[in-house]
Amino acid sequence: MLEFWPDYSGALLWTADGRPAPLADMPLPKDLTEQAERWVADYDDSKLPWEPTRDEQWLAEGRRLLVELRRVLLEHGFDLQPNEDFWAL
């Protein structure tokens, strides 16, 4: 099981025991890894949905990435779940 949880550290995927799972170590296509790395590098709490400064475009891209990452990782036996319900909308 992996968790989709963007953070300031640049980590996006986390193991069940709370350790970062580097995108480069995952069985992902290079272009998807690069997209996800660019997106998470832009993380800031101010973009989250409960903030008045939320970034709808950034959030939509995160939801798209979650769907794509989940699809690819499932093919390799990984269950990817969001850390917050709003990612799975």
PDB file of N, CA and C in Angstrom:
ATOM      1  N   MET A   1       0.848  -1.168   0.000  1.00  0.00           N
ATOM      2  CA  MET A   1       0.000   0.000   0.000  1.00  0.00           C
ATOM      3  C   MET A   1       0.896   1.233   0.000  1.00  0.00           C
ATOM      4  N   LEU A   2       0.557   2.190  -0.833  1.00  0.00           N
ATOM      5  CA  LEU A   2       1.236   3.483  -0.881  1.00  0.00           C
ATOM      6  C   LEU A   2       0.193   4.569  -0.688  1.00  0.00           C
ATOM      7  N   GLU A   3       0.665   5.697  -0.194  1.00  0.00           N
ATOM      8  CA  GLU A   3      -0.219   6.833   0.030  1.00  0.00           C
ATOM      9  C   GLU A   3       0.239   8.007  -0.821  1.00  0.00           C
ATOM     10  N   PHE A   4      -0.726   8.667  -1.479  1.00  0.00           N
ATOM     11  CA  PHE A   4      -0.501   9.875  -2.261  1.00  0.00           C
ATOM     12  C   PHE A   4      -0.626  11.047  -1.307  1.00  0.00           C
ATOM     13  N   TRP A   5       0.522  11.681  -1.005  1.00  0.00           N
ATOM     14  CA  TRP A   5       0.530  12.725   0.007  1.00  0.00           C
ATOM     15  C   TRP A   5       1.618  13.733  -0.342  1.00  0.00           C
ATOM     16  N   PRO A   6       1.288  14.753  -1.148  1.00  0.00           N
ATOM     17  CA  PRO A   6       2.297  15.753  -1.477  1.00  0.00           C
ATOM     18  C   PRO A   6       2.741  16.517  -0.235  1.00  0.00           C
ATOM     19  N   ASP A   7       4.018  16.890  -0.223  1.00  0.00           N
ATOM     20  CA  ASP A   7       4.585  17.562   0.941  1.00  0.00           C
ATOM     21  C   ASP A   7       5.727  18.456   0.491  1.00  0.00           C
ATOM     22  N   TYR A   8       6.135  19.346   1.374  1.00  0.00           N
ATOM     23  CA  TYR A   8       7.242  20.259   1.086  1.00  0.00           C
ATOM     24  C   TYR A   8       8.552  19.538   0.787  1.00  0.00           C
ATOM     25  N   SER A   9       8.717  18.363   1.296  1.00  0.00           N
ATOM     26  CA  SER A   9       9.975  17.639   1.127  1.00  0.00           C
ATOM     27  C   SER A   9      10.202  17.189  -0.316  1.00  0.00           C
ATOM     28  N   GLY A  10       9.213  17.356  -1.166  1.00  0.00           N
ATOM     29  CA  GLY A  10       9.313  16.868  -2.533  1.00  0.00           C
ATOM     30  C   GLY A  10       8.828  15.440  -2.661  1.00  0.00           C
ATOM     31  N   ALA A  11       8.476  14.837  -1.543  1.00  0.00           N
ATOM     32  CA  ALA A  11       7.943  13.479  -1.580  1.00  0.00           C
ATOM     33  C   ALA A  11       6.472  13.535  -1.974  1.00  0.00           C
ATOM     34  N   LEU A  12       6.038  12.555  -2.720  1.00  0.00           N
ATOM     35  CA  LEU A  12       4.643  12.467  -3.142  1.00  0.00           C
ATOM     36  C   LEU A  12       4.016  11.156  -2.704  1.00  0.00           C
ATOM     37  N   LEU A  13       4.801  10.090  -2.762  1.00  0.00           N
ATOM     38  CA  LEU A  13       4.311   8.770  -2.381  1.00  0.00           C
ATOM     39  C   LEU A  13       4.972   8.351  -1.075  1.00  0.00           C
ATOM     40  N   TRP A  14       4.169   7.726  -0.210  1.00  0.00           N
ATOM     41  CA  TRP A  14       4.643   7.317   1.115  1.00  0.00           C
ATOM     42  C   TRP A  14       4.248   5.876   1.371  1.00  0.00           C
ATOM     43  N   THR A  15       5.091   5.158   2.097  1.00  0.00           N
ATOM     44  CA  THR A  15       4.794   3.775   2.467  1.00  0.00           C
ATOM     45  C   THR A  15       3.821   3.763   3.644  1.00  0.00           C
ATOM     46  N   ALA A  16       3.261   2.616   3.918  1.00  0.00           N
ATOM     47  CA  ALA A  16       2.309   2.467   5.021  1.00  0.00           C
ATOM     48  C   ALA A  16       2.933   2.809   6.364  1.00  0.00           C
ATOM     49  N   ASP A  17       4.257   2.674   6.476  1.00  0.00           N
ATOM     50  CA  ASP A  17       4.908   3.008   7.748  1.00  0.00           C
ATOM     51  C   ASP A  17       5.458   4.435   7.767  1.00  0.00           C
ATOM     52  N   GLY A  18       5.002   5.274   6.822  1.00  0.00           N
ATOM     53  CA  GLY A  18       5.324   6.695   6.868  1.00  0.00           C
ATOM     54  C   GLY A  18       6.658   7.114   6.275  1.00  0.00           C
ATOM     55  N   ARG A  19       7.259   6.259   5.456  1.00  0.00           N
ATOM     56  CA  ARG A  19       8.528   6.626   4.820  1.00  0.00           C
ATOM     57  C   ARG A  19       8.273   7.049   3.380  1.00  0.00           C
ATOM     58  N   PRO A  20       9.020   8.032   2.888  1.00  0.00           N
ATOM     59  CA  PRO A  20       8.858   8.423   1.483  1.00  0.00           C
ATOM     60  C   PRO A  20       9.225   7.268   0.555  1.00  0.00           C
ATOM     61  N   ALA A  21       8.468   7.152  -0.520  1.00  0.00           N
ATOM     62  CA  ALA A  21       8.749   6.165  -1.566  1.00  0.00           C
ATOM     63  C   ALA A  21       9.122   6.974  -2.814  1.00  0.00           C
ATOM     64  N   PRO A  22      10.409   7.166  -3.062  1.00  0.00           N
ATOM     65  CA  PRO A  22      10.831   8.021  -4.184  1.00  0.00           C
ATOM     66  C   PRO A  22      10.221   7.582  -5.511  1.00  0.00           C
ATOM     67  N   LEU A  23       9.743   8.554  -6.251  1.00  0.00           N
ATOM     68  CA  LEU A  23       9.155   8.268  -7.556  1.00  0.00           C
ATOM     69  C   LEU A  23      10.133   7.521  -8.458  1.00  0.00           C
ATOM     70  N   ALA A  24      11.401   7.880  -8.384  1.00  0.00           N
ATOM     71  CA  ALA A  24      12.420   7.239  -9.225  1.00  0.00           C
ATOM     72  C   ALA A  24      12.561   5.744  -8.927  1.00  0.00           C
ATOM     73  N   ASP A  25      12.151   5.319  -7.739  1.00  0.00           N
ATOM     74  CA  ASP A  25      12.237   3.909  -7.362  1.00  0.00           C
ATOM     75  C   ASP A  25      10.985   3.117  -7.741  1.00  0.00           C
ATOM     76  N   MET A  26       9.984   3.796  -8.247  1.00  0.00           N
ATOM     77  CA  MET A  26       8.722   3.148  -8.584  1.00  0.00           C
ATOM     78  C   MET A  26       8.729   2.722 -10.058  1.00  0.00           C
ATOM     79  N   PRO A  27       7.954   1.701 -10.398  1.00  0.00           N
ATOM     80  CA  PRO A  27       7.881   1.237 -11.789  1.00  0.00           C
ATOM     81  C   PRO A  27       6.963   2.141 -12.618  1.00  0.00           C
ATOM     82  N   LEU A  28       7.430   3.356 -12.861  1.00  0.00           N
ATOM     83  CA  LEU A  28       6.647   4.358 -13.578  1.00  0.00           C
ATOM     84  C   LEU A  28       7.340   4.771 -14.865  1.00  0.00           C
ATOM     85  N   PRO A  29       6.566   5.127 -15.887  1.00  0.00           N
ATOM     86  CA  PRO A  29       7.188   5.669 -17.090  1.00  0.00           C
ATOM     87  C   PRO A  29       7.899   6.982 -16.763  1.00  0.00           C
ATOM     88  N   LYS A  30       8.975   7.230 -17.470  1.00  0.00           N
ATOM     89  CA  LYS A  30       9.789   8.414 -17.211  1.00  0.00           C
ATOM     90  C   LYS A  30       8.969   9.703 -17.298  1.00  0.00           C
ATOM     91  N   ASP A  31       8.115   9.825 -18.298  1.00  0.00           N
ATOM     92  CA  ASP A  31       7.349  11.062 -18.459  1.00  0.00           C
ATOM     93  C   ASP A  31       6.385  11.281 -17.295  1.00  0.00           C
ATOM     94  N   LEU A  32       5.768  10.222 -16.781  1.00  0.00           N
ATOM     95  CA  LEU A  32       4.867  10.357 -15.640  1.00  0.00           C
ATOM     96  C   LEU A  32       5.654  10.733 -14.386  1.00  0.00           C
ATOM     97  N   THR A  33       6.814  10.131 -14.199  1.00  0.00           N
ATOM     98  CA  THR A  33       7.673  10.484 -13.065  1.00  0.00           C
ATOM     99  C   THR A  33       8.051  11.957 -13.133  1.00  0.00           C
ATOM    100  N   GLU A  34       8.432  12.433 -14.308  1.00  0.00           N
ATOM    101  CA  GLU A  34       8.825  13.832 -14.466  1.00  0.00           C
ATOM    102  C   GLU A  34       7.654  14.776 -14.208  1.00  0.00           C
ATOM    103  N   GLN A  35       6.470  14.425 -14.704  1.00  0.00           N
ATOM    104  CA  GLN A  35       5.284  15.251 -14.457  1.00  0.00           C
ATOM    105  C   GLN A  35       4.998  15.356 -12.959  1.00  0.00           C
ATOM    106  N   ALA A  36       5.027  14.214 -12.287  1.00  0.00           N
ATOM    107  CA  ALA A  36       4.733  14.181 -10.860  1.00  0.00           C
ATOM    108  C   ALA A  36       5.794  14.938 -10.061  1.00  0.00           C
ATOM    109  N   GLU A  37       7.053  14.805 -10.430  1.00  0.00           N
ATOM    110  CA  GLU A  37       8.122  15.525  -9.724  1.00  0.00           C
ATOM    111  C   GLU A  37       7.977  17.034  -9.895  1.00  0.00           C
ATOM    112  N   ARG A  38       7.649  17.477 -11.114  1.00  0.00           N
ATOM    113  CA  ARG A  38       7.435  18.921 -11.338  1.00  0.00           C
ATOM    114  C   ARG A  38       6.264  19.424 -10.518  1.00  0.00           C
ATOM    115  N   TRP A  39       5.177  18.636 -10.509  1.00  0.00           N
ATOM    116  CA  TRP A  39       3.973  19.057  -9.801  1.00  0.00           C
ATOM    117  C   TRP A  39       4.224  19.149  -8.293  1.00  0.00           C
ATOM    118  N   VAL A  40       4.805  18.130  -7.697  1.00  0.00           N
ATOM    119  CA  VAL A  40       5.009  18.144  -6.246  1.00  0.00           C
ATOM    120  C   VAL A  40       6.054  19.189  -5.840  1.00  0.00           C
ATOM    121  N   ALA A  41       6.981  19.514  -6.726  1.00  0.00           N
ATOM    122  CA  ALA A  41       7.965  20.558  -6.425  1.00  0.00           C
ATOM    123  C   ALA A  41       7.286  21.911  -6.259  1.00  0.00           C
ATOM    124  N   ASP A  42       6.093  22.047  -6.802  1.00  0.00           N
ATOM    125  CA  ASP A  42       5.335  23.292  -6.719  1.00  0.00           C
ATOM    126  C   ASP A  42       4.413  23.327  -5.493  1.00  0.00           C
ATOM    127  N   TYR A  43       4.517  22.317  -4.632  1.00  0.00           N
ATOM    128  CA  TYR A  43       3.638  22.220  -3.463  1.00  0.00           C
ATOM    129  C   TYR A  43       3.802  23.410  -2.530  1.00  0.00           C
ATOM    130  N   ASP A  44       2.673  23.855  -2.015  1.00  0.00           N
ATOM    131  CA  ASP A  44       2.632  24.868  -0.960  1.00  0.00           C
ATOM    132  C   ASP A  44       1.287  24.719  -0.260  1.00  0.00           C
ATOM    133  N   ASP A  45       1.273  24.806   1.075  1.00  0.00           N
ATOM    134  CA  ASP A  45       0.017  24.679   1.824  1.00  0.00           C
ATOM    135  C   ASP A  45      -1.048  25.648   1.332  1.00  0.00           C
ATOM    136  N   SER A  46      -0.634  26.790   0.830  1.00  0.00           N
ATOM    137  CA  SER A  46      -1.594  27.810   0.386  1.00  0.00           C
ATOM    138  C   SER A  46      -2.426  27.341  -0.810  1.00  0.00           C
ATOM    139  N   LYS A  47      -2.029  26.272  -1.469  1.00  0.00           N
ATOM    140  CA  LYS A  47      -2.749  25.765  -2.636  1.00  0.00           C
ATOM    141  C   LYS A  47      -3.851  24.775  -2.273  1.00  0.00           C
ATOM    142  N   LEU A  48      -3.904  24.357  -1.029  1.00  0.00           N
ATOM    143  CA  LEU A  48      -4.848  23.325  -0.607  1.00  0.00           C
ATOM    144  C   LEU A  48      -6.277  23.860  -0.546  1.00  0.00           C
ATOM    145  N   PRO A  49      -7.284  22.988  -0.688  1.00  0.00           N
ATOM    146  CA  PRO A  49      -8.666  23.431  -0.879  1.00  0.00           C
ATOM    147  C   PRO A  49      -9.276  24.218   0.273  1.00  0.00           C
ATOM    148  N   TRP A  50      -8.795  24.064   1.477  1.00  0.00           N
ATOM    149  CA  TRP A  50      -9.386  24.789   2.602  1.00  0.00           C
ATOM    150  C   TRP A  50      -8.787  26.182   2.775  1.00  0.00           C
ATOM    151  N   GLU A  51      -7.812  26.516   1.957  1.00  0.00           N
ATOM    152  CA  GLU A  51      -7.182  27.842   2.027  1.00  0.00           C
ATOM    153  C   GLU A  51      -7.884  28.807   1.072  1.00  0.00           C
ATOM    154  N   PRO A  52      -8.021  30.087   1.463  1.00  0.00           N
ATOM    155  CA  PRO A  52      -8.640  31.058   0.553  1.00  0.00           C
ATOM    156  C   PRO A  52      -7.817  31.273  -0.714  1.00  0.00           C
ATOM    157  N   THR A  53      -6.549  30.916  -0.682  1.00  0.00           N
ATOM    158  CA  THR A  53      -5.658  31.080  -1.832  1.00  0.00           C
ATOM    159  C   THR A  53      -5.534  29.799  -2.649  1.00  0.00           C
ATOM    160  N   ARG A  54      -6.434  28.845  -2.413  1.00  0.00           N
ATOM    161  CA  ARG A  54      -6.325  27.534  -3.078  1.00  0.00           C
ATOM    162  C   ARG A  54      -6.094  27.710  -4.578  1.00  0.00           C
ATOM    163  N   ASP A  55      -5.428  26.734  -5.139  1.00  0.00           N
ATOM    164  CA  ASP A  55      -5.062  26.768  -6.552  1.00  0.00           C
ATOM    165  C   ASP A  55      -5.809  25.638  -7.254  1.00  0.00           C
ATOM    166  N   GLU A  56      -6.935  25.968  -7.865  1.00  0.00           N
ATOM    167  CA  GLU A  56      -7.790  24.957  -8.493  1.00  0.00           C
ATOM    168  C   GLU A  56      -7.067  24.214  -9.615  1.00  0.00           C
ATOM    169  N   GLN A  57      -6.242  24.911 -10.369  1.00  0.00           N
ATOM    170  CA  GLN A  57      -5.509  24.264 -11.463  1.00  0.00           C
ATOM    171  C   GLN A  57      -4.502  23.255 -10.907  1.00  0.00           C
ATOM    172  N   TRP A  58      -3.777  23.637  -9.860  1.00  0.00           N
ATOM    173  CA  TRP A  58      -2.803  22.744  -9.234  1.00  0.00           C
ATOM    174  C   TRP A  58      -3.504  21.525  -8.630  1.00  0.00           C
ATOM    175  N   LEU A  59      -4.646  21.755  -7.986  1.00  0.00           N
ATOM    176  CA  LEU A  59      -5.409  20.660  -7.392  1.00  0.00           C
ATOM    177  C   LEU A  59      -5.924  19.703  -8.473  1.00  0.00           C
ATOM    178  N   ALA A  60      -6.431  20.241  -9.570  1.00  0.00           N
ATOM    179  CA  ALA A  60      -6.923  19.395 -10.665  1.00  0.00           C
ATOM    180  C   ALA A  60      -5.795  18.551 -11.248  1.00  0.00           C
ATOM    181  N   GLU A  61      -4.627  19.150 -11.391  1.00  0.00           N
ATOM    182  CA  GLU A  61      -3.476  18.393 -11.894  1.00  0.00           C
ATOM    183  C   GLU A  61      -3.104  17.280 -10.913  1.00  0.00           C
ATOM    184  N   GLY A  62      -3.187  17.548  -9.629  1.00  0.00           N
ATOM    185  CA  GLY A  62      -2.910  16.517  -8.623  1.00  0.00           C
ATOM    186  C   GLY A  62      -3.887  15.363  -8.710  1.00  0.00           C
ATOM    187  N   ARG A  63      -5.171  15.671  -8.909  1.00  0.00           N
ATOM    188  CA  ARG A  63      -6.166  14.600  -9.045  1.00  0.00           C
ATOM    189  C   ARG A  63      -5.900  13.769 -10.308  1.00  0.00           C
ATOM    190  N   ARG A  64      -5.523  14.447 -11.389  1.00  0.00           N
ATOM    191  CA  ARG A  64      -5.193  13.731 -12.625  1.00  0.00           C
ATOM    192  C   ARG A  64      -3.988  12.809 -12.406  1.00  0.00           C
ATOM    193  N   LEU A  65      -2.973  13.338 -11.732  1.00  0.00           N
ATOM    194  CA  LEU A  65      -1.784  12.530 -11.460  1.00  0.00           C
ATOM    195  C   LEU A  65      -2.106  11.342 -10.565  1.00  0.00           C
ATOM    196  N   LEU A  66      -2.941  11.544  -9.568  1.00  0.00           N
ATOM    197  CA  LEU A  66      -3.329  10.431  -8.701  1.00  0.00           C
ATOM    198  C   LEU A  66      -3.968   9.318  -9.520  1.00  0.00           C
ATOM    199  N   VAL A  67      -4.882   9.654 -10.406  1.00  0.00           N
ATOM    200  CA  VAL A  67      -5.548   8.641 -11.238  1.00  0.00           C
ATOM    201  C   VAL A  67      -4.524   7.896 -12.082  1.00  0.00           C
ATOM    202  N   GLU A  68      -3.631   8.631 -12.715  1.00  0.00           N
ATOM    203  CA  GLU A  68      -2.645   8.004 -13.600  1.00  0.00           C
ATOM    204  C   GLU A  68      -1.633   7.174 -12.808  1.00  0.00           C
ATOM    205  N   LEU A  69      -1.139   7.718 -11.708  1.00  0.00           N
ATOM    206  CA  LEU A  69      -0.196   6.967 -10.871  1.00  0.00           C
ATOM    207  C   LEU A  69      -0.850   5.703 -10.320  1.00  0.00           C
ATOM    208  N   ARG A  70      -2.080   5.829  -9.870  1.00  0.00           N
ATOM    209  CA  ARG A  70      -2.802   4.672  -9.323  1.00  0.00           C
ATOM    210  C   ARG A  70      -2.945   3.591 -10.392  1.00  0.00           C
ATOM    211  N   ARG A  71      -3.312   3.983 -11.609  1.00  0.00           N
ATOM    212  CA  ARG A  71      -3.498   3.027 -12.693  1.00  0.00           C
ATOM    213  C   ARG A  71      -2.200   2.262 -12.980  1.00  0.00           C
ATOM    214  N   VAL A  72      -1.107   2.989 -13.130  1.00  0.00           N
ATOM    215  CA  VAL A  72       0.174   2.348 -13.465  1.00  0.00           C
ATOM    216  C   VAL A  72       0.676   1.495 -12.305  1.00  0.00           C
ATOM    217  N   LEU A  73       0.608   2.024 -11.100  1.00  0.00           N
ATOM    218  CA  LEU A  73       1.116   1.275  -9.947  1.00  0.00           C
ATOM    219  C   LEU A  73       0.296   0.019  -9.673  1.00  0.00           C
ATOM    220  N   LEU A  74      -1.007   0.078  -9.926  1.00  0.00           N
ATOM    221  CA  LEU A  74      -1.851  -1.102  -9.729  1.00  0.00           C
ATOM    222  C   LEU A  74      -1.403  -2.247 -10.641  1.00  0.00           C
ATOM    223  N   GLU A  75      -0.945  -1.898 -11.837  1.00  0.00           N
ATOM    224  CA  GLU A  75      -0.437  -2.920 -12.760  1.00  0.00           C
ATOM    225  C   GLU A  75       0.781  -3.651 -12.172  1.00  0.00           C
ATOM    226  N   HIS A  76       1.443  -3.023 -11.210  1.00  0.00           N
ATOM    227  CA  HIS A  76       2.636  -3.608 -10.583  1.00  0.00           C
ATOM    228  C   HIS A  76       2.361  -4.067  -9.145  1.00  0.00           C
ATOM    229  N   GLY A  77       1.081  -4.159  -8.791  1.00  0.00           N
ATOM    230  CA  GLY A  77       0.711  -4.703  -7.496  1.00  0.00           C
ATOM    231  C   GLY A  77       0.679  -3.714  -6.344  1.00  0.00           C
ATOM    232  N   PHE A  78       0.779  -2.414  -6.640  1.00  0.00           N
ATOM    233  CA  PHE A  78       0.721  -1.399  -5.591  1.00  0.00           C
ATOM    234  C   PHE A  78      -0.680  -0.818  -5.497  1.00  0.00           C
ATOM    235  N   ASP A  79      -1.168  -0.673  -4.284  1.00  0.00           N
ATOM    236  CA  ASP A  79      -2.446  -0.022  -4.023  1.00  0.00           C
ATOM    237  C   ASP A  79      -2.137   1.408  -3.587  1.00  0.00           C
ATOM    238  N   LEU A  80      -2.475   2.391  -4.407  1.00  0.00           N
ATOM    239  CA  LEU A  80      -2.211   3.796  -4.099  1.00  0.00           C
ATOM    240  C   LEU A  80      -3.492   4.453  -3.623  1.00  0.00           C
ATOM    241  N   GLN A  81      -3.447   5.005  -2.425  1.00  0.00           N
ATOM    242  CA  GLN A  81      -4.598   5.671  -1.824  1.00  0.00           C
ATOM    243  C   GLN A  81      -4.247   7.124  -1.495  1.00  0.00           C
ATOM    244  N   PRO A  82      -5.212   8.032  -1.606  1.00  0.00           N
ATOM    245  CA  PRO A  82      -4.960   9.423  -1.247  1.00  0.00           C
ATOM    246  C   PRO A  82      -4.939   9.620   0.260  1.00  0.00           C
ATOM    247  N   ASN A  83      -4.143  10.595   0.730  1.00  0.00           N
ATOM    248  CA  ASN A  83      -4.135  10.878   2.163  1.00  0.00           C
ATOM    249  C   ASN A  83      -5.319  11.735   2.572  1.00  0.00           C
ATOM    250  N   GLU A  84      -5.925  12.424   1.609  1.00  0.00           N
ATOM    251  CA  GLU A  84      -7.095  13.273   1.870  1.00  0.00           C
ATOM    252  C   GLU A  84      -8.163  12.954   0.833  1.00  0.00           C
ATOM    253  N   ASP A  85      -9.421  12.987   1.241  1.00  0.00           N
ATOM    254  CA  ASP A  85     -10.516  12.655   0.343  1.00  0.00           C
ATOM    255  C   ASP A  85     -10.587  13.559  -0.872  1.00  0.00           C
ATOM    256  N   PHE A  86     -10.190  14.825  -0.749  1.00  0.00           N
ATOM    257  CA  PHE A  86     -10.341  15.746  -1.867  1.00  0.00           C
ATOM    258  C   PHE A  86      -9.490  15.355  -3.071  1.00  0.00           C
ATOM    259  N   TRP A  87      -8.449  14.567  -2.877  1.00  0.00           N
ATOM    260  CA  TRP A  87      -7.649  14.114  -4.023  1.00  0.00           C
ATOM    261  C   TRP A  87      -8.430  13.140  -4.893  1.00  0.00           C
ATOM    262  N   ALA A  88      -9.306  12.397  -4.305  1.00  0.00           N
ATOM    263  CA  ALA A  88     -10.018  11.345  -5.037  1.00  0.00           C
ATOM    264  C   ALA A  88     -11.320  11.837  -5.684  1.00  0.00           C
ATOM    265  N   LEU A  89     -11.592  13.111  -5.654  1.00  0.00           N
ATOM    266  CA  LEU A  89     -12.834  13.638  -6.237  1.00  0.00           C
ATOM    267  C   LEU A  89     -12.902  13.355  -7.720  1.00  0.00           C
TER     268      LEU A  89
END
